[in-house]
């Protein structure tokens, strides 16, 4: 089975980091929350999202999520195994 990240990369030509940023959008993360998890700045996340939107030919994060879910074989997948500790650490609860 192809993961959502693999499908998005093959379909849109996204970089590994763009795929990582994109993986947090369906979870409802803000730019600030994504930046915190990835150890970068909200401005960097904003710029990466701009690049993602261009490559996906969308105008906003909601549209990007919709396209992502339509192109995914398993739209419920977060791209990692939640039973693994590194996944749980990466996917902190929004608002924290």
Foldseek 3Di string as FASTA:
>chain_A
DDALLRQLCVQQVADPVLSLLLLCLVVPAQLCLLCVLVVHHSVVSVVSVVVSCVSVVHDDSVVSLVVSCVRGPDSVDSRDDCVDPVVPSSDDRHPD
